[in-house]
């Protein structure tokens, strides 16, 4: 077949190997990957941000063979002309006995939750209605993640990274907003108001989206709502102050 893409149906027509092993039905690709990420919370977050809606499709026959353990089980039970294709598996490396659990900093959900509380404290104690350094930082982070989402979606050949609904909150336009917000008050006001609406709508419509989000994303969305509300308030405050001079 060379290096050309081969459709599964065409490959099965010339295939003599039978794969009788049956995996649990109804498992999505994202759920299958999760098995390898339970003790890697930051990798779990990064992969969930990078992978789009296709990874939430239910895997069909042979769909899980991209995973090493799944491929091993398939080959272990595979037959050709009634005979086992492979010999019994042999253990080469000893299993790990050390705990892989980390502290609070190793869990993005806990870390972002602490930052959300800090953001609320800074917003409550701050004398200015404008955004603080943490508000700017979270908008910057969302913008950089948006650059990654757009790059993987439109500028790579990865089929698993298209239709990534994280674009609803992680958008590269946030970076343009940070540059122009201080100078163009009206633009900042309308963009901030629109983003607050989009973020709240995204939370409300989340059960109907064809993609699941990492739990830490909801904390990031909450931080973004606070940040853009403060940007909107600063624009209103500035306009009111100028109009009364």
C-alpha atoms as a PDB file:
ATOM      1  CA  UNK A   1       0.000   0.000   0.000  1.00  0.00           C
ATOM      2  CA  UNK A   2       3.041   2.281   0.273  1.00  0.00           C
ATOM      3  CA  UNK A   3       2.513   5.435   2.316  1.00  0.00           C
ATOM      4  CA  UNK A   4      -0.932   6.218   0.909  1.00  0.00           C
ATOM      5  CA  UNK A   5      -3.903   6.479   3.226  1.00  0.00           C
ATOM      6  CA  UNK A   6      -5.829   3.206   3.066  1.00  0.00           C
ATOM      7  CA  UNK A   7      -9.479   3.006   3.992  1.00  0.00           C
ATOM      8  CA  UNK A   8     -10.272   0.359   6.606  1.00  0.00           C
ATOM      9  CA  UNK A   9     -12.797  -1.408   4.346  1.00  0.00           C
ATOM     10  CA  UNK A  10     -10.195  -1.786   1.585  1.00  0.00           C
ATOM     11  CA  UNK A  11      -7.661  -3.148   4.053  1.00  0.00           C
ATOM     12  CA  UNK A  12     -10.123  -5.690   5.462  1.00  0.00           C
ATOM     13  CA  UNK A  13     -10.787  -7.096   1.984  1.00  0.00           C
ATOM     14  CA  UNK A  14      -7.198  -8.361   1.720  1.00  0.00           C
ATOM     15  CA  UNK A  15      -6.841  -9.186   5.403  1.00  0.00           C
ATOM     16  CA  UNK A  16      -6.724 -12.840   6.500  1.00  0.00           C
ATOM     17  CA  UNK A  17      -6.262 -12.114  10.204  1.00  0.00           C
ATOM     18  CA  UNK A  18      -9.300 -12.310  12.479  1.00  0.00           C
ATOM     19  CA  UNK A  19      -9.527 -10.231  15.649  1.00  0.00           C
ATOM     20  CA  UNK A  20     -12.116 -11.847  17.950  1.00  0.00           C
ATOM     21  CA  UNK A  21     -11.259  -9.808  21.046  1.00  0.00           C
ATOM     22  CA  UNK A  22     -14.188  -7.560  22.060  1.00  0.00           C
ATOM     23  CA  UNK A  23     -13.716  -4.305  23.933  1.00  0.00           C
ATOM     24  CA  UNK A  24     -16.277  -2.546  26.080  1.00  0.00           C
ATOM     25  CA  UNK A  25     -18.950  -1.081  23.830  1.00  0.00           C
ATOM     26  CA  UNK A  26     -19.763   2.624  23.903  1.00  0.00           C
ATOM     27  CA  UNK A  27     -16.241   3.783  24.738  1.00  0.00           C
ATOM     28  CA  UNK A  28     -15.154   7.051  23.121  1.00  0.00           C
ATOM     29  CA  UNK A  29     -11.597   7.685  21.986  1.00  0.00           C
ATOM     30  CA  UNK A  30     -11.164  10.341  24.665  1.00  0.00           C
ATOM     31  CA  UNK A  31     -12.323   7.946  27.373  1.00  0.00           C
ATOM     32  CA  UNK A  32      -9.930   5.290  26.101  1.00  0.00           C
ATOM     33  CA  UNK A  33      -6.988   7.692  26.243  1.00  0.00           C
ATOM     34  CA  UNK A  34      -7.953   8.718  29.779  1.00  0.00           C
ATOM     35  CA  UNK A  35      -6.689   5.377  31.099  1.00  0.00           C
ATOM     36  CA  UNK A  36      -3.137   6.549  30.423  1.00  0.00           C
ATOM     37  CA  UNK A  37      -3.644  10.031  31.857  1.00  0.00           C
ATOM     38  CA  UNK A  38      -5.141   9.428  35.293  1.00  0.00           C
ATOM     39  CA  UNK A  39      -1.756  10.062  36.951  1.00  0.00           C
ATOM     40  CA  UNK A  40      -0.640  12.772  34.530  1.00  0.00           C
ATOM     41  CA  UNK A  41      -3.064  15.641  35.252  1.00  0.00           C
ATOM     42  CA  UNK A  42      -1.198  18.292  33.259  1.00  0.00           C
ATOM     43  CA  UNK A  43      -0.785  15.999  30.266  1.00  0.00           C
ATOM     44  CA  UNK A  44      -4.480  15.178  30.622  1.00  0.00           C
ATOM     45  CA  UNK A  45      -5.351  18.872  30.452  1.00  0.00           C
ATOM     46  CA  UNK A  46      -3.037  19.516  27.516  1.00  0.00           C
ATOM     47  CA  UNK A  47      -4.371  16.611  25.482  1.00  0.00           C
ATOM     48  CA  UNK A  48      -7.985  17.556  26.212  1.00  0.00           C
ATOM     49  CA  UNK A  49      -7.247  21.095  25.011  1.00  0.00           C
ATOM     50  CA  UNK A  50      -5.589  19.871  21.817  1.00  0.00           C
ATOM     51  CA  UNK A  51      -8.084  17.194  20.772  1.00  0.00           C
ATOM     52  CA  UNK A  52     -11.348  18.186  19.161  1.00  0.00           C
ATOM     53  CA  UNK A  53     -14.840  16.754  18.815  1.00  0.00           C
ATOM     54  CA  UNK A  54     -13.825  13.691  16.715  1.00  0.00           C
ATOM     55  CA  UNK A  55     -12.244  12.207  19.848  1.00  0.00           C
ATOM     56  CA  UNK A  56     -15.666  12.113  21.497  1.00  0.00           C
ATOM     57  CA  UNK A  57     -16.989   9.749  18.824  1.00  0.00           C
ATOM     58  CA  UNK A  58     -17.674   6.211  19.979  1.00  0.00           C
ATOM     59  CA  UNK A  59     -14.935   3.871  18.802  1.00  0.00           C
ATOM     60  CA  UNK A  60     -15.991   1.149  16.391  1.00  0.00           C
ATOM     61  CA  UNK A  61     -14.366  -2.161  15.419  1.00  0.00           C
ATOM     62  CA  UNK A  62     -10.559  -1.913  15.465  1.00  0.00           C
ATOM     63  CA  UNK A  63     -10.930   1.650  16.696  1.00  0.00           C
ATOM     64  CA  UNK A  64      -8.860   1.205  19.845  1.00  0.00           C
ATOM     65  CA  UNK A  65      -5.895  -0.481  18.194  1.00  0.00           C
ATOM     66  CA  UNK A  66      -3.991   2.824  18.253  1.00  0.00           C
ATOM     67  CA  UNK A  67      -3.411   2.242  21.982  1.00  0.00           C
ATOM     68  CA  UNK A  68      -0.488  -0.056  22.896  1.00  0.00           C
ATOM     69  CA  UNK A  69      -2.385  -2.169  25.442  1.00  0.00           C
ATOM     70  CA  UNK A  70      -5.407  -2.511  23.180  1.00  0.00           C
ATOM     71  CA  UNK A  71      -3.223  -3.534  20.246  1.00  0.00           C
ATOM     72  CA  UNK A  72      -1.493  -6.132  22.444  1.00  0.00           C
ATOM     73  CA  UNK A  73      -4.820  -7.654  23.458  1.00  0.00           C
ATOM     74  CA  UNK A  74      -6.019  -7.684  19.846  1.00  0.00           C
ATOM     75  CA  UNK A  75      -2.839  -9.447  18.676  1.00  0.00           C
ATOM     76  CA  UNK A  76      -2.904 -11.821  21.641  1.00  0.00           C
ATOM     77  CA  UNK A  77      -6.302 -13.162  20.542  1.00  0.00           C
ATOM     78  CA  UNK A  78      -5.849 -12.718  16.768  1.00  0.00           C
ATOM     79  CA  UNK A  79      -5.922 -15.800  14.576  1.00  0.00           C
ATOM     80  CA  UNK A  80      -4.959 -16.591  10.990  1.00  0.00           C
ATOM     81  CA  UNK A  81      -6.394 -19.693   9.357  1.00  0.00           C
ATOM     82  CA  UNK A  82      -7.564 -20.831  12.793  1.00  0.00           C
ATOM     83  CA  UNK A  83      -4.127 -20.539  14.423  1.00  0.00           C
ATOM     84  CA  UNK A  84      -2.999 -17.920  16.936  1.00  0.00           C
ATOM     85  CA  UNK A  85      -1.096 -15.147  15.219  1.00  0.00           C
ATOM     86  CA  UNK A  86       1.251 -14.369  18.121  1.00  0.00           C
ATOM     87  CA  UNK A  87       2.861 -16.224  20.984  1.00  0.00           C
ATOM     88  CA  UNK A  88       1.896 -15.527  24.587  1.00  0.00           C
ATOM     89  CA  UNK A  89       3.085 -12.123  25.883  1.00  0.00           C
ATOM     90  CA  UNK A  90       6.139 -12.014  28.111  1.00  0.00           C
ATOM     91  CA  UNK A  91       6.811  -9.426  30.801  1.00  0.00           C
ATOM     92  CA  UNK A  92      10.089  -7.614  30.181  1.00  0.00           C
ATOM     93  CA  UNK A  93       9.949  -4.749  32.693  1.00  0.00           C
ATOM     94  CA  UNK A  94       8.868  -4.974  36.309  1.00  0.00           C
ATOM     95  CA  UNK A  95       5.681  -3.036  37.162  1.00  0.00           C
ATOM     96  CA  UNK A  96       6.139   0.318  38.878  1.00  0.00           C
ATOM     97  CA  UNK A  97       5.483   0.283  42.606  1.00  0.00           C
ATOM     98  CA  UNK A  98       6.038   3.985  43.403  1.00  0.00           C
ATOM     99  CA  UNK A  99       3.040   6.272  43.821  1.00  0.00           C
ATOM    100  CA  UNK A 100       2.463   8.677  40.950  1.00  0.00           C
ATOM    101  CA  UNK A 101       0.180  10.995  42.911  1.00  0.00           C
ATOM    102  CA  UNK A 102       1.402  14.589  43.239  1.00  0.00           C
ATOM    103  CA  UNK A 103       0.541  17.568  45.398  1.00  0.00           C
ATOM    104  CA  UNK A 104      -1.934  20.366  44.784  1.00  0.00           C
ATOM    105  CA  UNK A 105       0.390  22.056  42.277  1.00  0.00           C
ATOM    106  CA  UNK A 106       0.386  18.845  40.230  1.00  0.00           C
ATOM    107  CA  UNK A 107      -3.358  19.124  39.706  1.00  0.00           C
ATOM    108  CA  UNK A 108      -4.449  21.934  37.345  1.00  0.00           C
ATOM    109  CA  UNK A 109      -7.998  21.890  38.721  1.00  0.00           C
ATOM    110  CA  UNK A 110      -6.778  22.664  42.252  1.00  0.00           C
ATOM    111  CA  UNK A 111      -4.200  25.212  41.080  1.00  0.00           C
ATOM    112  CA  UNK A 112      -6.663  27.111  38.885  1.00  0.00           C
ATOM    113  CA  UNK A 113      -9.234  26.952  41.686  1.00  0.00           C
ATOM    114  CA  UNK A 114      -6.761  28.683  44.016  1.00  0.00           C
ATOM    115  CA  UNK A 115      -6.042  31.300  41.338  1.00  0.00           C
ATOM    116  CA  UNK A 116      -9.787  31.870  40.919  1.00  0.00           C
ATOM    117  CA  UNK A 117     -10.138  32.570  44.642  1.00  0.00           C
ATOM    118  CA  UNK A 118      -7.126  34.896  44.474  1.00  0.00           C
ATOM    119  CA  UNK A 119      -8.686  36.686  41.530  1.00  0.00           C
ATOM    120  CA  UNK A 120     -11.904  37.224  43.480  1.00  0.00           C
ATOM    121  CA  UNK A 121      -9.948  38.571  46.470  1.00  0.00           C
ATOM    122  CA  UNK A 122      -7.964  40.970  44.264  1.00  0.00           C
ATOM    123  CA  UNK A 123     -11.141  42.132  42.550  1.00  0.00           C
ATOM    124  CA  UNK A 124     -12.848  42.730  45.900  1.00  0.00           C
ATOM    125  CA  UNK A 125      -9.940  44.585  47.528  1.00  0.00           C
ATOM    126  CA  UNK A 126      -8.843  46.511  44.453  1.00  0.00           C
ATOM    127  CA  UNK A 127      -9.695  50.212  44.403  1.00  0.00           C
ATOM    128  CA  UNK A 128      -9.765  50.404  40.600  1.00  0.00           C
ATOM    129  CA  UNK A 129     -12.588  48.986  38.513  1.00  0.00           C
ATOM    130  CA  UNK A 130     -10.038  48.017  35.877  1.00  0.00           C
ATOM    131  CA  UNK A 131      -8.420  44.601  35.444  1.00  0.00           C
ATOM    132  CA  UNK A 132      -5.495  43.558  37.625  1.00  0.00           C
ATOM    133  CA  UNK A 133      -2.425  41.550  36.681  1.00  0.00           C
ATOM    134  CA  UNK A 134      -4.207  38.230  37.186  1.00  0.00           C
ATOM    135  CA  UNK A 135      -7.064  39.278  34.894  1.00  0.00           C
ATOM    136  CA  UNK A 136      -4.554  40.141  32.170  1.00  0.00           C
ATOM    137  CA  UNK A 137      -2.649  36.917  32.756  1.00  0.00           C
ATOM    138  CA  UNK A 138      -5.708  34.699  32.306  1.00  0.00           C
ATOM    139  CA  UNK A 139      -6.723  36.514  29.103  1.00  0.00           C
ATOM    140  CA  UNK A 140      -3.157  36.118  27.833  1.00  0.00           C
ATOM    141  CA  UNK A 141      -3.193  32.397  28.698  1.00  0.00           C
ATOM    142  CA  UNK A 142      -6.516  31.878  26.923  1.00  0.00           C
ATOM    143  CA  UNK A 143      -5.187  33.694  23.869  1.00  0.00           C
ATOM    144  CA  UNK A 144      -2.045  31.545  23.714  1.00  0.00           C
ATOM    145  CA  UNK A 145      -4.099  28.369  24.072  1.00  0.00           C
ATOM    146  CA  UNK A 146      -6.284  29.699  21.270  1.00  0.00           C
ATOM    147  CA  UNK A 147      -3.225  30.020  19.014  1.00  0.00           C
ATOM    148  CA  UNK A 148      -2.447  26.345  19.686  1.00  0.00           C
ATOM    149  CA  UNK A 149      -6.060  25.293  19.013  1.00  0.00           C
ATOM    150  CA  UNK A 150      -6.181  27.178  15.691  1.00  0.00           C
ATOM    151  CA  UNK A 151      -2.757  25.877  14.632  1.00  0.00           C
ATOM    152  CA  UNK A 152      -3.653  22.239  15.311  1.00  0.00           C
ATOM    153  CA  UNK A 153      -7.063  22.651  13.666  1.00  0.00           C
ATOM    154  CA  UNK A 154      -6.169  24.466  10.450  1.00  0.00           C
ATOM    155  CA  UNK A 155      -2.427  24.033   9.928  1.00  0.00           C
ATOM    156  CA  UNK A 156      -1.815  20.333  10.656  1.00  0.00           C
ATOM    157  CA  UNK A 157      -3.086  17.087   9.175  1.00  0.00           C
ATOM    158  CA  UNK A 158      -4.264  15.679  12.511  1.00  0.00           C
ATOM    159  CA  UNK A 159      -7.885  14.585  12.082  1.00  0.00           C
ATOM    160  CA  UNK A 160      -8.351  14.417  15.859  1.00  0.00           C
ATOM    161  CA  UNK A 161      -7.695  18.139  16.400  1.00  0.00           C
ATOM    162  CA  UNK A 162     -10.376  19.593  14.115  1.00  0.00           C
ATOM    163  CA  UNK A 163     -13.676  21.014  15.340  1.00  0.00           C
ATOM    164  CA  UNK A 164     -12.204  21.893  18.705  1.00  0.00           C
ATOM    165  CA  UNK A 165     -14.929  23.645  20.704  1.00  0.00           C
ATOM    166  CA  UNK A 166     -12.383  25.024  23.147  1.00  0.00           C
ATOM    167  CA  UNK A 167     -12.213  27.867  20.622  1.00  0.00           C
ATOM    168  CA  UNK A 168     -15.307  29.254  22.358  1.00  0.00           C
ATOM    169  CA  UNK A 169     -13.185  30.436  25.280  1.00  0.00           C
ATOM    170  CA  UNK A 170      -9.576  30.049  24.050  1.00  0.00           C
ATOM    171  CA  UNK A 171      -9.358  32.440  21.118  1.00  0.00           C
ATOM    172  CA  UNK A 172      -6.248  34.042  19.576  1.00  0.00           C
ATOM    173  CA  UNK A 173      -8.197  37.297  19.203  1.00  0.00           C
ATOM    174  CA  UNK A 174      -7.715  37.716  22.971  1.00  0.00           C
ATOM    175  CA  UNK A 175      -4.086  38.624  22.222  1.00  0.00           C
ATOM    176  CA  UNK A 176      -5.209  41.421  19.888  1.00  0.00           C
ATOM    177  CA  UNK A 177      -7.650  42.538  22.567  1.00  0.00           C
ATOM    178  CA  UNK A 178      -4.868  42.855  25.152  1.00  0.00           C
ATOM    179  CA  UNK A 179      -2.880  45.082  22.783  1.00  0.00           C
ATOM    180  CA  UNK A 180      -5.773  47.339  21.794  1.00  0.00           C
ATOM    181  CA  UNK A 181      -7.909  47.387  24.950  1.00  0.00           C
ATOM    182  CA  UNK A 182      -6.186  50.320  26.641  1.00  0.00           C
ATOM    183  CA  UNK A 183      -6.168  52.547  23.570  1.00  0.00           C
ATOM    184  CA  UNK A 184      -9.521  51.687  21.993  1.00  0.00           C
ATOM    185  CA  UNK A 185     -11.999  51.839  24.854  1.00  0.00           C
ATOM    186  CA  UNK A 186     -15.118  51.281  22.749  1.00  0.00           C
ATOM    187  CA  UNK A 187     -13.625  48.185  21.121  1.00  0.00           C
ATOM    188  CA  UNK A 188     -12.654  46.849  24.556  1.00  0.00           C
ATOM    189  CA  UNK A 189     -16.141  47.486  25.892  1.00  0.00           C
ATOM    190  CA  UNK A 190     -18.008  45.686  23.110  1.00  0.00           C
ATOM    191  CA  UNK A 191     -15.509  42.828  22.864  1.00  0.00           C
ATOM    192  CA  UNK A 192     -15.610  42.244  26.620  1.00  0.00           C
ATOM    193  CA  UNK A 193     -19.417  42.306  26.637  1.00  0.00           C
ATOM    194  CA  UNK A 194     -19.588  39.899  23.706  1.00  0.00           C
ATOM    195  CA  UNK A 195     -17.098  37.508  25.308  1.00  0.00           C
ATOM    196  CA  UNK A 196     -18.975  37.452  28.612  1.00  0.00           C
ATOM    197  CA  UNK A 197     -22.118  36.534  26.666  1.00  0.00           C
ATOM    198  CA  UNK A 198     -20.324  33.821  24.687  1.00  0.00           C
ATOM    199  CA  UNK A 199     -18.734  32.347  27.818  1.00  0.00           C
ATOM    200  CA  UNK A 200     -22.004  32.233  29.754  1.00  0.00           C
ATOM    201  CA  UNK A 201     -23.777  30.773  26.711  1.00  0.00           C
ATOM    202  CA  UNK A 202     -21.053  28.150  26.377  1.00  0.00           C
ATOM    203  CA  UNK A 203     -21.589  27.041  29.963  1.00  0.00           C
ATOM    204  CA  UNK A 204     -25.345  26.859  29.430  1.00  0.00           C
ATOM    205  CA  UNK A 205     -25.098  24.914  26.171  1.00  0.00           C
ATOM    206  CA  UNK A 206     -22.237  22.671  27.267  1.00  0.00           C
ATOM    207  CA  UNK A 207     -24.445  19.565  27.771  1.00  0.00           C
ATOM    208  CA  UNK A 208     -25.391  19.825  24.084  1.00  0.00           C
ATOM    209  CA  UNK A 209     -21.881  20.289  22.682  1.00  0.00           C
ATOM    210  CA  UNK A 210     -20.398  17.307  20.797  1.00  0.00           C
ATOM    211  CA  UNK A 211     -17.212  17.576  22.855  1.00  0.00           C
ATOM    212  CA  UNK A 212     -16.347  17.162  26.521  1.00  0.00           C
ATOM    213  CA  UNK A 213     -14.134  19.685  28.322  1.00  0.00           C
ATOM    214  CA  UNK A 214     -11.533  19.063  30.979  1.00  0.00           C
ATOM    215  CA  UNK A 215     -12.898  20.030  34.447  1.00  0.00           C
ATOM    216  CA  UNK A 216     -10.197  22.707  34.800  1.00  0.00           C
ATOM    217  CA  UNK A 217     -11.602  24.458  31.716  1.00  0.00           C
ATOM    218  CA  UNK A 218     -14.721  25.470  33.644  1.00  0.00           C
ATOM    219  CA  UNK A 219     -12.539  27.205  36.240  1.00  0.00           C
ATOM    220  CA  UNK A 220     -10.666  28.993  33.440  1.00  0.00           C
ATOM    221  CA  UNK A 221     -13.969  30.097  31.920  1.00  0.00           C
ATOM    222  CA  UNK A 222     -15.028  31.483  35.304  1.00  0.00           C
ATOM    223  CA  UNK A 223     -11.767  33.436  35.556  1.00  0.00           C
ATOM    224  CA  UNK A 224     -12.245  34.778  32.030  1.00  0.00           C
ATOM    225  CA  UNK A 225     -15.772  35.948  32.850  1.00  0.00           C
ATOM    226  CA  UNK A 226     -14.444  37.892  35.854  1.00  0.00           C
ATOM    227  CA  UNK A 227     -11.610  39.364  33.795  1.00  0.00           C
ATOM    228  CA  UNK A 228     -13.809  40.528  30.914  1.00  0.00           C
ATOM    229  CA  UNK A 229     -16.423  41.924  33.303  1.00  0.00           C
ATOM    230  CA  UNK A 230     -13.682  44.082  34.835  1.00  0.00           C
ATOM    231  CA  UNK A 231     -12.520  45.186  31.382  1.00  0.00           C
ATOM    232  CA  UNK A 232     -16.106  46.146  30.579  1.00  0.00           C
ATOM    233  CA  UNK A 233     -16.506  48.060  33.855  1.00  0.00           C
ATOM    234  CA  UNK A 234     -13.284  49.983  33.239  1.00  0.00           C
ATOM    235  CA  UNK A 235     -14.493  51.038  29.781  1.00  0.00           C
ATOM    236  CA  UNK A 236     -17.808  52.225  31.191  1.00  0.00           C
ATOM    237  CA  UNK A 237     -16.110  54.020  34.087  1.00  0.00           C
ATOM    238  CA  UNK A 238     -13.656  55.791  31.750  1.00  0.00           C
ATOM    239  CA  UNK A 239     -16.384  56.902  29.365  1.00  0.00           C
ATOM    240  CA  UNK A 240     -18.535  58.206  32.223  1.00  0.00           C
ATOM    241  CA  UNK A 241     -15.613  60.074  33.777  1.00  0.00           C
ATOM    242  CA  UNK A 242     -14.659  61.734  30.458  1.00  0.00           C
ATOM    243  CA  UNK A 243     -18.234  62.719  29.687  1.00  0.00           C
ATOM    244  CA  UNK A 244     -18.629  64.551  33.006  1.00  0.00           C
ATOM    245  CA  UNK A 245     -15.452  66.626  32.739  1.00  0.00           C
END
